[in-house]
Amino acid sequence: MTVAYWCVLVAAVFPIAMVGIAKVGHRGYNNKRPRAWARHLEGYRQRASWASENSFEIFPFFASGVIIASVVGVEEATVDTLAVAFIVTRAAYAVCYLADLHLWRSVVWLAGFAICIALFFAGA
């Protein structure tokens, strides 16, 4: 498997890791109604839950970009580099979200989105 494909796996796990941060040590978690529980979170737990939702939202765009770039024959090193860069932006995004650095969060989100677009255009 290529590095880029491993990055797809990492990106798939990101949302679960973020919601795990929201849940760890919180006594009021209710597995029967997890979304209702999440609506009442505050502080970093709430931001971790939101980061989880955003990670689910961006995942299909990233994964399809990696797959399409690979299928159309973009050089493996290029796809790998872009995929690793995307994972770096997602990690930075999570840190910024947890630390409530909203401006930087937006900047790194935009960088990650641009990387997804670059995956599509790399084969053009």
PDB file of N, CA and C in Angstrom:
ATOM      1  N   MET A   1       0.837  -1.189   0.000  1.00  0.00           N
ATOM      2  CA  MET A   1       0.000   0.000   0.000  1.00  0.00           C
ATOM      3  C   MET A   1       0.875   1.243   0.000  1.00  0.00           C
ATOM      4  N   THR A   2       0.401   2.268  -0.661  1.00  0.00           N
ATOM      5  CA  THR A   2       1.166   3.506  -0.732  1.00  0.00           C
ATOM      6  C   THR A   2       1.002   4.317   0.551  1.00  0.00           C
ATOM      7  N   VAL A   3       1.889   5.267   0.732  1.00  0.00           N
ATOM      8  CA  VAL A   3       1.800   6.185   1.869  1.00  0.00           C
ATOM      9  C   VAL A   3       0.463   6.933   1.826  1.00  0.00           C
ATOM     10  N   ALA A   4       0.046   7.334   0.644  1.00  0.00           N
ATOM     11  CA  ALA A   4      -1.213   8.076   0.505  1.00  0.00           C
ATOM     12  C   ALA A   4      -2.397   7.241   0.976  1.00  0.00           C
ATOM     13  N   TYR A   5      -2.393   5.957   0.665  1.00  0.00           N
ATOM     14  CA  TYR A   5      -3.498   5.100   1.112  1.00  0.00           C
ATOM     15  C   TYR A   5      -3.500   4.950   2.626  1.00  0.00           C
ATOM     16  N   TRP A   6      -2.325   4.884   3.221  1.00  0.00           N
ATOM     17  CA  TRP A   6      -2.252   4.862   4.686  1.00  0.00           C
ATOM     18  C   TRP A   6      -2.788   6.176   5.265  1.00  0.00           C
ATOM     19  N   CYS A   7      -2.535   7.263   4.570  1.00  0.00           N
ATOM     20  CA  CYS A   7      -3.050   8.564   5.019  1.00  0.00           C
ATOM     21  C   CYS A   7      -4.572   8.593   4.981  1.00  0.00           C
ATOM     22  N   VAL A   8      -5.161   7.909   4.011  1.00  0.00           N
ATOM     23  CA  VAL A   8      -6.624   7.804   3.967  1.00  0.00           C
ATOM     24  C   VAL A   8      -7.115   7.096   5.227  1.00  0.00           C
ATOM     25  N   LEU A   9      -6.431   6.044   5.631  1.00  0.00           N
ATOM     26  CA  LEU A   9      -6.808   5.343   6.862  1.00  0.00           C
ATOM     27  C   LEU A   9      -6.679   6.269   8.073  1.00  0.00           C
ATOM     28  N   VAL A  10      -5.592   7.002   8.147  1.00  0.00           N
ATOM     29  CA  VAL A  10      -5.401   7.941   9.259  1.00  0.00           C
ATOM     30  C   VAL A  10      -6.519   8.978   9.268  1.00  0.00           C
ATOM     31  N   ALA A  11      -6.859   9.514   8.118  1.00  0.00           N
ATOM     32  CA  ALA A  11      -7.929  10.508   8.024  1.00  0.00           C
ATOM     33  C   ALA A  11      -9.270   9.917   8.444  1.00  0.00           C
ATOM     34  N   ALA A  12      -9.477   8.635   8.181  1.00  0.00           N
ATOM     35  CA  ALA A  12     -10.720   7.978   8.577  1.00  0.00           C
ATOM     36  C   ALA A  12     -10.817   7.825  10.096  1.00  0.00           C
ATOM     37  N   VAL A  13      -9.678   7.721  10.757  1.00  0.00           N
ATOM     38  CA  VAL A  13      -9.643   7.547  12.211  1.00  0.00           C
ATOM     39  C   VAL A  13      -9.713   8.892  12.951  1.00  0.00           C
ATOM     40  N   PHE A  14      -9.339   9.963  12.286  1.00  0.00           N
ATOM     41  CA  PHE A  14      -9.331  11.292  12.916  1.00  0.00           C
ATOM     42  C   PHE A  14     -10.639  11.633  13.626  1.00  0.00           C
ATOM     43  N   PRO A  15     -11.806  11.481  12.985  1.00  0.00           N
ATOM     44  CA  PRO A  15     -13.037  11.865  13.661  1.00  0.00           C
ATOM     45  C   PRO A  15     -13.291  11.064  14.938  1.00  0.00           C
ATOM     46  N   ILE A  16     -12.898   9.815  14.909  1.00  0.00           N
ATOM     47  CA  ILE A  16     -13.091   8.966  16.086  1.00  0.00           C
ATOM     48  C   ILE A  16     -12.175   9.423  17.216  1.00  0.00           C
ATOM     49  N   ALA A  17     -10.948   9.794  16.863  1.00  0.00           N
ATOM     50  CA  ALA A  17     -10.016  10.307  17.875  1.00  0.00           C
ATOM     51  C   ALA A  17     -10.538  11.600  18.493  1.00  0.00           C
ATOM     52  N   MET A  18     -11.099  12.468  17.662  1.00  0.00           N
ATOM     53  CA  MET A  18     -11.613  13.745  18.173  1.00  0.00           C
ATOM     54  C   MET A  18     -12.794  13.541  19.118  1.00  0.00           C
ATOM     55  N   VAL A  19     -13.719  12.678  18.753  1.00  0.00           N
ATOM     56  CA  VAL A  19     -14.856  12.449  19.636  1.00  0.00           C
ATOM     57  C   VAL A  19     -14.395  11.721  20.901  1.00  0.00           C
ATOM     58  N   GLY A  20     -13.345  10.931  20.778  1.00  0.00           N
ATOM     59  CA  GLY A  20     -12.767  10.295  21.964  1.00  0.00           C
ATOM     60  C   GLY A  20     -12.254  11.324  22.952  1.00  0.00           C
ATOM     61  N   ILE A  21     -11.644  12.380  22.450  1.00  0.00           N
ATOM     62  CA  ILE A  21     -11.175  13.468  23.324  1.00  0.00           C
ATOM     63  C   ILE A  21     -12.358  14.108  24.041  1.00  0.00           C
ATOM     64  N   ALA A  22     -13.460  14.262  23.338  1.00  0.00           N
ATOM     65  CA  ALA A  22     -14.655  14.854  23.953  1.00  0.00           C
ATOM     66  C   ALA A  22     -15.210  13.954  25.052  1.00  0.00           C
ATOM     67  N   LYS A  23     -15.116  12.648  24.877  1.00  0.00           N
ATOM     68  CA  LYS A  23     -15.739  11.706  25.801  1.00  0.00           C
ATOM     69  C   LYS A  23     -14.877  11.355  27.010  1.00  0.00           C
ATOM     70  N   VAL A  24     -13.568  11.303  26.835  1.00  0.00           N
ATOM     71  CA  VAL A  24     -12.686  10.810  27.898  1.00  0.00           C
ATOM     72  C   VAL A  24     -12.865  11.621  29.174  1.00  0.00           C
ATOM     73  N   GLY A  25     -13.192  10.917  30.226  1.00  0.00           N
ATOM     74  CA  GLY A  25     -13.318  11.534  31.539  1.00  0.00           C
ATOM     75  C   GLY A  25     -14.616  12.285  31.775  1.00  0.00           C
ATOM     76  N   HIS A  26     -15.496  12.324  30.788  1.00  0.00           N
ATOM     77  CA  HIS A  26     -16.777  13.028  30.964  1.00  0.00           C
ATOM     78  C   HIS A  26     -17.789  12.041  31.522  1.00  0.00           C
ATOM     79  N   ARG A  27     -18.391  12.368  32.644  1.00  0.00           N
ATOM     80  CA  ARG A  27     -19.272  11.426  33.335  1.00  0.00           C
ATOM     81  C   ARG A  27     -20.668  11.343  32.735  1.00  0.00           C
ATOM     82  N   GLY A  28     -21.099  12.332  32.004  1.00  0.00           N
ATOM     83  CA  GLY A  28     -22.481  12.355  31.538  1.00  0.00           C
ATOM     84  C   GLY A  28     -22.730  11.714  30.193  1.00  0.00           C
ATOM     85  N   TYR A  29     -21.746  11.014  29.624  1.00  0.00           N
ATOM     86  CA  TYR A  29     -21.925  10.438  28.293  1.00  0.00           C
ATOM     87  C   TYR A  29     -23.040   9.399  28.303  1.00  0.00           C
ATOM     88  N   ASN A  30     -23.923   9.488  27.315  1.00  0.00           N
ATOM     89  CA  ASN A  30     -25.032   8.552  27.182  1.00  0.00           C
ATOM     90  C   ASN A  30     -24.944   7.925  25.794  1.00  0.00           C
ATOM     91  N   ASN A  31     -24.608   6.650  25.735  1.00  0.00           N
ATOM     92  CA  ASN A  31     -24.439   5.980  24.452  1.00  0.00           C
ATOM     93  C   ASN A  31     -25.771   5.761  23.736  1.00  0.00           C
ATOM     94  N   LYS A  32     -26.883   5.872  24.446  1.00  0.00           N
ATOM     95  CA  LYS A  32     -28.189   5.750  23.804  1.00  0.00           C
ATOM     96  C   LYS A  32     -28.513   6.985  22.974  1.00  0.00           C
ATOM     97  N   ARG A  33     -27.995   8.130  23.393  1.00  0.00           N
ATOM     98  CA  ARG A  33     -28.270   9.402  22.707  1.00  0.00           C
ATOM     99  C   ARG A  33     -26.996  10.238  22.595  1.00  0.00           C
ATOM    100  N   PRO A  34     -26.004   9.748  21.824  1.00  0.00           N
ATOM    101  CA  PRO A  34     -24.718  10.453  21.781  1.00  0.00           C
ATOM    102  C   PRO A  34     -24.809  11.853  21.177  1.00  0.00           C
ATOM    103  N   ARG A  35     -25.672  12.071  20.203  1.00  0.00           N
ATOM    104  CA  ARG A  35     -25.775  13.398  19.593  1.00  0.00           C
ATOM    105  C   ARG A  35     -26.444  14.388  20.548  1.00  0.00           C
ATOM    106  N   ALA A  36     -27.424  13.922  21.287  1.00  0.00           N
ATOM    107  CA  ALA A  36     -28.066  14.787  22.286  1.00  0.00           C
ATOM    108  C   ALA A  36     -27.048  15.148  23.364  1.00  0.00           C
ATOM    109  N   TRP A  37     -26.235  14.175  23.756  1.00  0.00           N
ATOM    110  CA  TRP A  37     -25.197  14.424  24.750  1.00  0.00           C
ATOM    111  C   TRP A  37     -24.211  15.477  24.240  1.00  0.00           C
ATOM    112  N   ALA A  38     -23.799  15.353  22.987  1.00  0.00           N
ATOM    113  CA  ALA A  38     -22.793  16.256  22.418  1.00  0.00           C
ATOM    114  C   ALA A  38     -23.295  17.697  22.355  1.00  0.00           C
ATOM    115  N   ARG A  39     -24.593  17.891  22.195  1.00  0.00           N
ATOM    116  CA  ARG A  39     -25.138  19.256  22.121  1.00  0.00           C
ATOM    117  C   ARG A  39     -24.959  20.035  23.416  1.00  0.00           C
ATOM    118  N   HIS A  40     -24.744  19.317  24.517  1.00  0.00           N
ATOM    119  CA  HIS A  40     -24.630  19.980  25.818  1.00  0.00           C
ATOM    120  C   HIS A  40     -23.182  20.141  26.294  1.00  0.00           C
ATOM    121  N   LEU A  41     -22.254  19.788  25.442  1.00  0.00           N
ATOM    122  CA  LEU A  41     -20.847  19.933  25.815  1.00  0.00           C
ATOM    123  C   LEU A  41     -20.442  21.401  25.803  1.00  0.00           C
ATOM    124  N   GLU A  42     -19.368  21.685  26.508  1.00  0.00           N
ATOM    125  CA  GLU A  42     -18.807  23.043  26.527  1.00  0.00           C
ATOM    126  C   GLU A  42     -17.291  22.948  26.437  1.00  0.00           C
ATOM    127  N   GLY A  43     -16.680  24.087  26.150  1.00  0.00           N
ATOM    128  CA  GLY A  43     -15.229  24.177  26.145  1.00  0.00           C
ATOM    129  C   GLY A  43     -14.566  23.269  25.123  1.00  0.00           C
ATOM    130  N   TYR A  44     -13.410  22.726  25.523  1.00  0.00           N
ATOM    131  CA  TYR A  44     -12.630  21.922  24.573  1.00  0.00           C
ATOM    132  C   TYR A  44     -13.371  20.661  24.151  1.00  0.00           C
ATOM    133  N   ARG A  45     -14.234  20.133  25.011  1.00  0.00           N
ATOM    134  CA  ARG A  45     -14.992  18.938  24.647  1.00  0.00           C
ATOM    135  C   ARG A  45     -15.955  19.240  23.493  1.00  0.00           C
ATOM    136  N   GLN A  46     -16.593  20.383  23.560  1.00  0.00           N
ATOM    137  CA  GLN A  46     -17.492  20.793  22.484  1.00  0.00           C
ATOM    138  C   GLN A  46     -16.718  21.008  21.192  1.00  0.00           C
ATOM    139  N   ARG A  47     -15.574  21.663  21.310  1.00  0.00           N
ATOM    140  CA  ARG A  47     -14.758  21.909  20.113  1.00  0.00           C
ATOM    141  C   ARG A  47     -14.229  20.595  19.536  1.00  0.00           C
ATOM    142  N   ALA A  48     -13.895  19.613  20.384  1.00  0.00           N
ATOM    143  CA  ALA A  48     -13.458  18.305  19.901  1.00  0.00           C
ATOM    144  C   ALA A  48     -14.588  17.610  19.148  1.00  0.00           C
ATOM    145  N   SER A  49     -15.795  17.739  19.651  1.00  0.00           N
ATOM    146  CA  SER A  49     -16.953  17.158  18.968  1.00  0.00           C
ATOM    147  C   SER A  49     -17.163  17.819  17.610  1.00  0.00           C
ATOM    148  N   TRP A  50     -17.036  19.128  17.566  1.00  0.00           N
ATOM    149  CA  TRP A  50     -17.167  19.846  16.292  1.00  0.00           C
ATOM    150  C   TRP A  50     -16.051  19.455  15.321  1.00  0.00           C
ATOM    151  N   ALA A  51     -14.835  19.299  15.837  1.00  0.00           N
ATOM    152  CA  ALA A  51     -13.718  18.879  14.981  1.00  0.00           C
ATOM    153  C   ALA A  51     -13.974  17.486  14.421  1.00  0.00           C
ATOM    154  N   SER A  52     -14.596  16.627  15.214  1.00  0.00           N
ATOM    155  CA  SER A  52     -14.963  15.298  14.738  1.00  0.00           C
ATOM    156  C   SER A  52     -15.941  15.402  13.574  1.00  0.00           C
ATOM    157  N   GLU A  53     -16.956  16.228  13.716  1.00  0.00           N
ATOM    158  CA  GLU A  53     -17.946  16.402  12.649  1.00  0.00           C
ATOM    159  C   GLU A  53     -17.282  16.923  11.376  1.00  0.00           C
ATOM    160  N   ASN A  54     -16.398  17.906  11.528  1.00  0.00           N
ATOM    161  CA  ASN A  54     -15.725  18.458  10.358  1.00  0.00           C
ATOM    162  C   ASN A  54     -14.822  17.424   9.697  1.00  0.00           C
ATOM    163  N   SER A  55     -14.204  16.589  10.508  1.00  0.00           N
ATOM    164  CA  SER A  55     -13.336  15.548   9.960  1.00  0.00           C
ATOM    165  C   SER A  55     -14.133  14.539   9.141  1.00  0.00           C
ATOM    166  N   PHE A  56     -15.339  14.217   9.597  1.00  0.00           N
ATOM    167  CA  PHE A  56     -16.210  13.351   8.795  1.00  0.00           C
ATOM    168  C   PHE A  56     -16.603  14.031   7.492  1.00  0.00           C
ATOM    169  N   GLU A  57     -16.829  15.337   7.536  1.00  0.00           N
ATOM    170  CA  GLU A  57     -17.267  16.075   6.352  1.00  0.00           C
ATOM    171  C   GLU A  57     -16.182  16.156   5.271  1.00  0.00           C
ATOM    172  N   ILE A  58     -14.937  16.363   5.668  1.00  0.00           N
ATOM    173  CA  ILE A  58     -13.864  16.547   4.676  1.00  0.00           C
ATOM    174  C   ILE A  58     -13.314  15.205   4.181  1.00  0.00           C
ATOM    175  N   PHE A  59     -13.534  14.139   4.928  1.00  0.00           N
ATOM    176  CA  PHE A  59     -12.950  12.848   4.577  1.00  0.00           C
ATOM    177  C   PHE A  59     -13.287  12.377   3.161  1.00  0.00           C
ATOM    178  N   PRO A  60     -14.542  12.399   2.725  1.00  0.00           N
ATOM    179  CA  PRO A  60     -14.821  11.895   1.362  1.00  0.00           C
ATOM    180  C   PRO A  60     -14.091  12.668   0.270  1.00  0.00           C
ATOM    181  N   PHE A  61     -13.952  13.966   0.448  1.00  0.00           N
ATOM    182  CA  PHE A  61     -13.253  14.789  -0.535  1.00  0.00           C
ATOM    183  C   PHE A  61     -11.786  14.386  -0.623  1.00  0.00           C
ATOM    184  N   PHE A  62     -11.162  14.209   0.542  1.00  0.00           N
ATOM    185  CA  PHE A  62      -9.758  13.802   0.572  1.00  0.00           C
ATOM    186  C   PHE A  62      -9.573  12.396  -0.003  1.00  0.00           C
ATOM    187  N   ALA A  63     -10.366  11.444   0.480  1.00  0.00           N
ATOM    188  CA  ALA A  63     -10.214  10.062   0.035  1.00  0.00           C
ATOM    189  C   ALA A  63     -10.440   9.935  -1.469  1.00  0.00           C
ATOM    190  N   SER A  64     -11.452  10.599  -1.980  1.00  0.00           N
ATOM    191  CA  SER A  64     -11.694  10.523  -3.423  1.00  0.00           C
ATOM    192  C   SER A  64     -10.578  11.212  -4.201  1.00  0.00           C
ATOM    193  N   GLY A  65     -10.018  12.274  -3.666  1.00  0.00           N
ATOM    194  CA  GLY A  65      -8.888  12.934  -4.326  1.00  0.00           C
ATOM    195  C   GLY A  65      -7.688  12.015  -4.437  1.00  0.00           C
ATOM    196  N   VAL A  66      -7.384  11.292  -3.355  1.00  0.00           N
ATOM    197  CA  VAL A  66      -6.262  10.339  -3.375  1.00  0.00           C
ATOM    198  C   VAL A  66      -6.532   9.230  -4.384  1.00  0.00           C
ATOM    199  N   ILE A  67      -7.727   8.687  -4.348  1.00  0.00           N
ATOM    200  CA  ILE A  67      -8.054   7.577  -5.254  1.00  0.00           C
ATOM    201  C   ILE A  67      -8.009   8.033  -6.712  1.00  0.00           C
ATOM    202  N   ILE A  68      -8.629   9.168  -7.003  1.00  0.00           N
ATOM    203  CA  ILE A  68      -8.659   9.662  -8.383  1.00  0.00           C
ATOM    204  C   ILE A  68      -7.254   9.987  -8.880  1.00  0.00           C
ATOM    205  N   ALA A  69      -6.459  10.650  -8.035  1.00  0.00           N
ATOM    206  CA  ALA A  69      -5.088  10.973  -8.444  1.00  0.00           C
ATOM    207  C   ALA A  69      -4.312   9.696  -8.741  1.00  0.00           C
ATOM    208  N   SER A  70      -4.512   8.671  -7.952  1.00  0.00           N
ATOM    209  CA  SER A  70      -3.824   7.397  -8.175  1.00  0.00           C
ATOM    210  C   SER A  70      -4.301   6.726  -9.458  1.00  0.00           C
ATOM    211  N   VAL A  71      -5.607   6.726  -9.681  1.00  0.00           N
ATOM    212  CA  VAL A  71      -6.186   6.056 -10.854  1.00  0.00           C
ATOM    213  C   VAL A  71      -5.762   6.731 -12.152  1.00  0.00           C
ATOM    214  N   VAL A  72      -5.692   8.057 -12.162  1.00  0.00           N
ATOM    215  CA  VAL A  72      -5.343   8.748 -13.410  1.00  0.00           C
ATOM    216  C   VAL A  72      -3.841   8.776 -13.650  1.00  0.00           C
ATOM    217  N   GLY A  73      -3.073   8.205 -12.733  1.00  0.00           N
ATOM    218  CA  GLY A  73      -1.645   8.044 -12.977  1.00  0.00           C
ATOM    219  C   GLY A  73      -0.745   9.159 -12.486  1.00  0.00           C
ATOM    220  N   VAL A  74      -1.201   9.926 -11.509  1.00  0.00           N
ATOM    221  CA  VAL A  74      -0.312  10.937 -10.919  1.00  0.00           C
ATOM    222  C   VAL A  74       0.831  10.199 -10.232  1.00  0.00           C
ATOM    223  N   GLU A  75       2.030  10.724 -10.369  1.00  0.00           N
ATOM    224  CA  GLU A  75       3.212  10.103  -9.774  1.00  0.00           C
ATOM    225  C   GLU A  75       2.968   9.827  -8.285  1.00  0.00           C
ATOM    226  N   GLU A  76       3.308   8.622  -7.870  1.00  0.00           N
ATOM    227  CA  GLU A  76       3.059   8.190  -6.494  1.00  0.00           C
ATOM    228  C   GLU A  76       3.666   9.144  -5.467  1.00  0.00           C
ATOM    229  N   ALA A  77       4.859   9.639  -5.724  1.00  0.00           N
ATOM    230  CA  ALA A  77       5.509  10.555  -4.779  1.00  0.00           C
ATOM    231  C   ALA A  77       4.697  11.841  -4.608  1.00  0.00           C
ATOM    232  N   THR A  78       4.086  12.310  -5.675  1.00  0.00           N
ATOM    233  CA  THR A  78       3.262  13.524  -5.599  1.00  0.00           C
ATOM    234  C   THR A  78       2.016  13.267  -4.766  1.00  0.00           C
ATOM    235  N   VAL A  79       1.354  12.158  -5.027  1.00  0.00           N
ATOM    236  CA  VAL A  79       0.143  11.820  -4.260  1.00  0.00           C
ATOM    237  C   VAL A  79       0.499  11.616  -2.786  1.00  0.00           C
ATOM    238  N   ASP A  80       1.590  10.918  -2.529  1.00  0.00           N
ATOM    239  CA  ASP A  80       2.029  10.690  -1.148  1.00  0.00           C
ATOM    240  C   ASP A  80       2.317  12.002  -0.434  1.00  0.00           C
ATOM    241  N   THR A  81       3.030  12.890  -1.108  1.00  0.00           N
ATOM    242  CA  THR A  81       3.382  14.186  -0.503  1.00  0.00           C
ATOM    243  C   THR A  81       2.138  14.995  -0.177  1.00  0.00           C
ATOM    244  N   LEU A  82       1.199  15.050  -1.109  1.00  0.00           N
ATOM    245  CA  LEU A  82      -0.040  15.794  -0.868  1.00  0.00           C
ATOM    246  C   LEU A  82      -0.858  15.162   0.261  1.00  0.00           C
ATOM    247  N   ALA A  83      -0.898  13.844   0.289  1.00  0.00           N
ATOM    248  CA  ALA A  83      -1.657  13.154   1.333  1.00  0.00           C
ATOM    249  C   ALA A  83      -1.054  13.396   2.715  1.00  0.00           C
ATOM    250  N   VAL A  84       0.256  13.319   2.815  1.00  0.00           N
ATOM    251  CA  VAL A  84       0.912  13.594   4.101  1.00  0.00           C
ATOM    252  C   VAL A  84       0.681  15.046   4.514  1.00  0.00           C
ATOM    253  N   ALA A  85       0.761  15.950   3.562  1.00  0.00           N
ATOM    254  CA  ALA A  85       0.501  17.365   3.865  1.00  0.00           C
ATOM    255  C   ALA A  85      -0.926  17.552   4.378  1.00  0.00           C
ATOM    256  N   PHE A  86      -1.873  16.824   3.792  1.00  0.00           N
ATOM    257  CA  PHE A  86      -3.255  16.912   4.268  1.00  0.00           C
ATOM    258  C   PHE A  86      -3.359  16.440   5.720  1.00  0.00           C
ATOM    259  N   ILE A  87      -2.718  15.331   6.044  1.00  0.00           N
ATOM    260  CA  ILE A  87      -2.754  14.814   7.414  1.00  0.00           C
ATOM    261  C   ILE A  87      -2.127  15.818   8.374  1.00  0.00           C
ATOM    262  N   VAL A  88      -1.060  16.458   7.966  1.00  0.00           N
ATOM    263  CA  VAL A  88      -0.433  17.484   8.800  1.00  0.00           C
ATOM    264  C   VAL A  88      -1.410  18.637   9.047  1.00  0.00           C
ATOM    265  N   THR A  89      -2.125  19.048   8.000  1.00  0.00           N
ATOM    266  CA  THR A  89      -3.098  20.136   8.199  1.00  0.00           C
ATOM    267  C   THR A  89      -4.237  19.698   9.109  1.00  0.00           C
ATOM    268  N   ARG A  90      -4.648  18.436   9.016  1.00  0.00           N
ATOM    269  CA  ARG A  90      -5.726  17.962   9.899  1.00  0.00           C
ATOM    270  C   ARG A  90      -5.264  17.917  11.345  1.00  0.00           C
ATOM    271  N   ALA A  91      -4.016  17.526  11.574  1.00  0.00           N
ATOM    272  CA  ALA A  91      -3.489  17.521  12.936  1.00  0.00           C
ATOM    273  C   ALA A  91      -3.414  18.957  13.469  1.00  0.00           C
ATOM    274  N   ALA A  92      -2.940  19.873  12.638  1.00  0.00           N
ATOM    275  CA  ALA A  92      -2.880  21.285  13.040  1.00  0.00           C
ATOM    276  C   ALA A  92      -4.288  21.827  13.275  1.00  0.00           C
ATOM    277  N   TYR A  93      -5.222  21.424  12.434  1.00  0.00           N
ATOM    278  CA  TYR A  93      -6.614  21.837  12.585  1.00  0.00           C
ATOM    279  C   TYR A  93      -7.154  21.394  13.941  1.00  0.00           C
ATOM    280  N   ALA A  94      -6.898  20.142  14.307  1.00  0.00           N
ATOM    281  CA  ALA A  94      -7.366  19.623  15.589  1.00  0.00           C
ATOM    282  C   ALA A  94      -6.764  20.396  16.754  1.00  0.00           C
ATOM    283  N   VAL A  95      -5.473  20.657  16.688  1.00  0.00           N
ATOM    284  CA  VAL A  95      -4.808  21.419  17.750  1.00  0.00           C
ATOM    285  C   VAL A  95      -5.412  22.820  17.854  1.00  0.00           C
ATOM    286  N   CYS A  96      -5.580  23.465  16.712  1.00  0.00           N
ATOM    287  CA  CYS A  96      -6.160  24.813  16.720  1.00  0.00           C
ATOM    288  C   CYS A  96      -7.583  24.811  17.254  1.00  0.00           C
ATOM    289  N   TYR A  97      -8.361  23.808  16.892  1.00  0.00           N
ATOM    290  CA  TYR A  97      -9.745  23.730  17.369  1.00  0.00           C
ATOM    291  C   TYR A  97      -9.771  23.518  18.877  1.00  0.00           C
ATOM    292  N   LEU A  98      -8.983  22.591  19.370  1.00  0.00           N
ATOM    293  CA  LEU A  98      -8.959  22.313  20.808  1.00  0.00           C
ATOM    294  C   LEU A  98      -8.471  23.513  21.609  1.00  0.00           C
ATOM    295  N   ALA A  99      -7.512  24.246  21.050  1.00  0.00           N
ATOM    296  CA  ALA A  99      -6.948  25.423  21.730  1.00  0.00           C
ATOM    297  C   ALA A  99      -7.772  26.688  21.501  1.00  0.00           C
ATOM    298  N   ASP A 100      -8.846  26.585  20.727  1.00  0.00           N
ATOM    299  CA  ASP A 100      -9.741  27.702  20.418  1.00  0.00           C
ATOM    300  C   ASP A 100      -9.016  28.823  19.661  1.00  0.00           C
ATOM    301  N   LEU A 101      -8.158  28.429  18.742  1.00  0.00           N
ATOM    302  CA  LEU A 101      -7.446  29.381  17.884  1.00  0.00           C
ATOM    303  C   LEU A 101      -8.202  29.459  16.558  1.00  0.00           C
ATOM    304  N   HIS A 102      -9.328  30.154  16.585  1.00  0.00           N
ATOM    305  CA  HIS A 102     -10.266  30.112  15.461  1.00  0.00           C
ATOM    306  C   HIS A 102      -9.692  30.625  14.154  1.00  0.00           C
ATOM    307  N   LEU A 103      -8.883  31.667  14.173  1.00  0.00           N
ATOM    308  CA  LEU A 103      -8.315  32.184  12.931  1.00  0.00           C
ATOM    309  C   LEU A 103      -7.346  31.169  12.320  1.00  0.00           C
ATOM    310  N   TRP A 104      -6.451  30.644  13.126  1.00  0.00           N
ATOM    311  CA  TRP A 104      -5.490  29.651  12.628  1.00  0.00           C
ATOM    312  C   TRP A 104      -6.195  28.381  12.193  1.00  0.00           C
ATOM    313  N   ARG A 105      -7.261  28.022  12.921  1.00  0.00           N
ATOM    314  CA  ARG A 105      -8.045  26.847  12.525  1.00  0.00           C
ATOM    315  C   ARG A 105      -8.570  27.015  11.107  1.00  0.00           C
ATOM    316  N   SER A 106      -9.081  28.199  10.804  1.00  0.00           N
ATOM    317  CA  SER A 106      -9.605  28.463   9.464  1.00  0.00           C
ATOM    318  C   SER A 106      -8.501  28.427   8.414  1.00  0.00           C
ATOM    319  N   VAL A 107      -7.345  28.946   8.751  1.00  0.00           N
ATOM    320  CA  VAL A 107      -6.219  28.960   7.816  1.00  0.00           C
ATOM    321  C   VAL A 107      -5.785  27.531   7.483  1.00  0.00           C
ATOM    322  N   VAL A 108      -5.630  26.678   8.505  1.00  0.00           N
ATOM    323  CA  VAL A 108      -5.181  25.309   8.225  1.00  0.00           C
ATOM    324  C   VAL A 108      -6.287  24.485   7.567  1.00  0.00           C
ATOM    325  N   TRP A 109      -7.551  24.790   7.882  1.00  0.00           N
ATOM    326  CA  TRP A 109      -8.643  24.108   7.180  1.00  0.00           C
ATOM    327  C   TRP A 109      -8.577  24.439   5.689  1.00  0.00           C
ATOM    328  N   LEU A 110      -8.380  25.716   5.376  1.00  0.00           N
ATOM    329  CA  LEU A 110      -8.294  26.141   3.983  1.00  0.00           C
ATOM    330  C   LEU A 110      -7.108  25.483   3.281  1.00  0.00           C
ATOM    331  N   ALA A 111      -5.996  25.355   3.977  1.00  0.00           N
ATOM    332  CA  ALA A 111      -4.827  24.677   3.402  1.00  0.00           C
ATOM    333  C   ALA A 111      -5.160  23.216   3.094  1.00  0.00           C
ATOM    334  N   GLY A 112      -5.837  22.534   3.999  1.00  0.00           N
ATOM    335  CA  GLY A 112      -6.233  21.148   3.761  1.00  0.00           C
ATOM    336  C   GLY A 112      -7.197  21.019   2.599  1.00  0.00           C
ATOM    337  N   PHE A 113      -8.129  21.948   2.500  1.00  0.00           N
ATOM    338  CA  PHE A 113      -9.078  21.954   1.392  1.00  0.00           C
ATOM    339  C   PHE A 113      -8.350  22.171   0.068  1.00  0.00           C
ATOM    340  N   ALA A 114      -7.376  23.085   0.076  1.00  0.00           N
ATOM    341  CA  ALA A 114      -6.587  23.350  -1.131  1.00  0.00           C
ATOM    342  C   ALA A 114      -5.792  22.112  -1.542  1.00  0.00           C
ATOM    343  N   ILE A 115      -5.318  21.348  -0.575  1.00  0.00           N
ATOM    344  CA  ILE A 115      -4.592  20.117  -0.886  1.00  0.00           C
ATOM    345  C   ILE A 115      -5.516  19.114  -1.566  1.00  0.00           C
ATOM    346  N   CYS A 116      -6.754  19.035  -1.097  1.00  0.00           N
ATOM    347  CA  CYS A 116      -7.729  18.138  -1.749  1.00  0.00           C
ATOM    348  C   CYS A 116      -7.954  18.548  -3.195  1.00  0.00           C
ATOM    349  N   ILE A 117      -8.068  19.825  -3.428  1.00  0.00           N
ATOM    350  CA  ILE A 117      -8.236  20.327  -4.800  1.00  0.00           C
ATOM    351  C   ILE A 117      -6.990  20.009  -5.625  1.00  0.00           C
ATOM    352  N   ALA A 118      -5.816  20.168  -5.021  1.00  0.00           N
ATOM    353  CA  ALA A 118      -4.565  19.871  -5.718  1.00  0.00           C
ATOM    354  C   ALA A 118      -4.491  18.406  -6.127  1.00  0.00           C
ATOM    355  N   LEU A 119      -5.036  17.514  -5.312  1.00  0.00           N
ATOM    356  CA  LEU A 119      -5.063  16.090  -5.671  1.00  0.00           C
ATOM    357  C   LEU A 119      -5.866  15.887  -6.965  1.00  0.00           C
ATOM    358  N   PHE A 120      -6.949  16.603  -7.120  1.00  0.00           N
ATOM    359  CA  PHE A 120      -7.759  16.476  -8.335  1.00  0.00           C
ATOM    360  C   PHE A 120      -7.045  17.066  -9.545  1.00  0.00           C
ATOM    361  N   PHE A 121      -6.382  18.202  -9.354  1.00  0.00           N
ATOM    362  CA  PHE A 121      -5.730  18.870 -10.478  1.00  0.00           C
ATOM    363  C   PHE A 121      -4.363  18.281 -10.808  1.00  0.00           C
ATOM    364  N   ALA A 122      -3.798  17.476  -9.917  1.00  0.00           N
ATOM    365  CA  ALA A 122      -2.475  16.907 -10.185  1.00  0.00           C
ATOM    366  C   ALA A 122      -2.451  16.032 -11.427  1.00  0.00           C
ATOM    367  N   GLY A 123      -3.583  15.453 -11.753  1.00  0.00           N
ATOM    368  CA  GLY A 123      -3.649  14.594 -12.929  1.00  0.00           C
ATOM    369  C   GLY A 123      -4.142  15.284 -14.186  1.00  0.00           C
ATOM    370  N   ALA A 124      -4.385  16.573 -14.091  1.00  0.00           N
ATOM    371  CA  ALA A 124      -4.935  17.308 -15.248  1.00  0.00           C
ATOM    372  C   ALA A 124      -3.871  17.593 -16.286  1.00  0.00           C
TER     373      ALA A 124
END
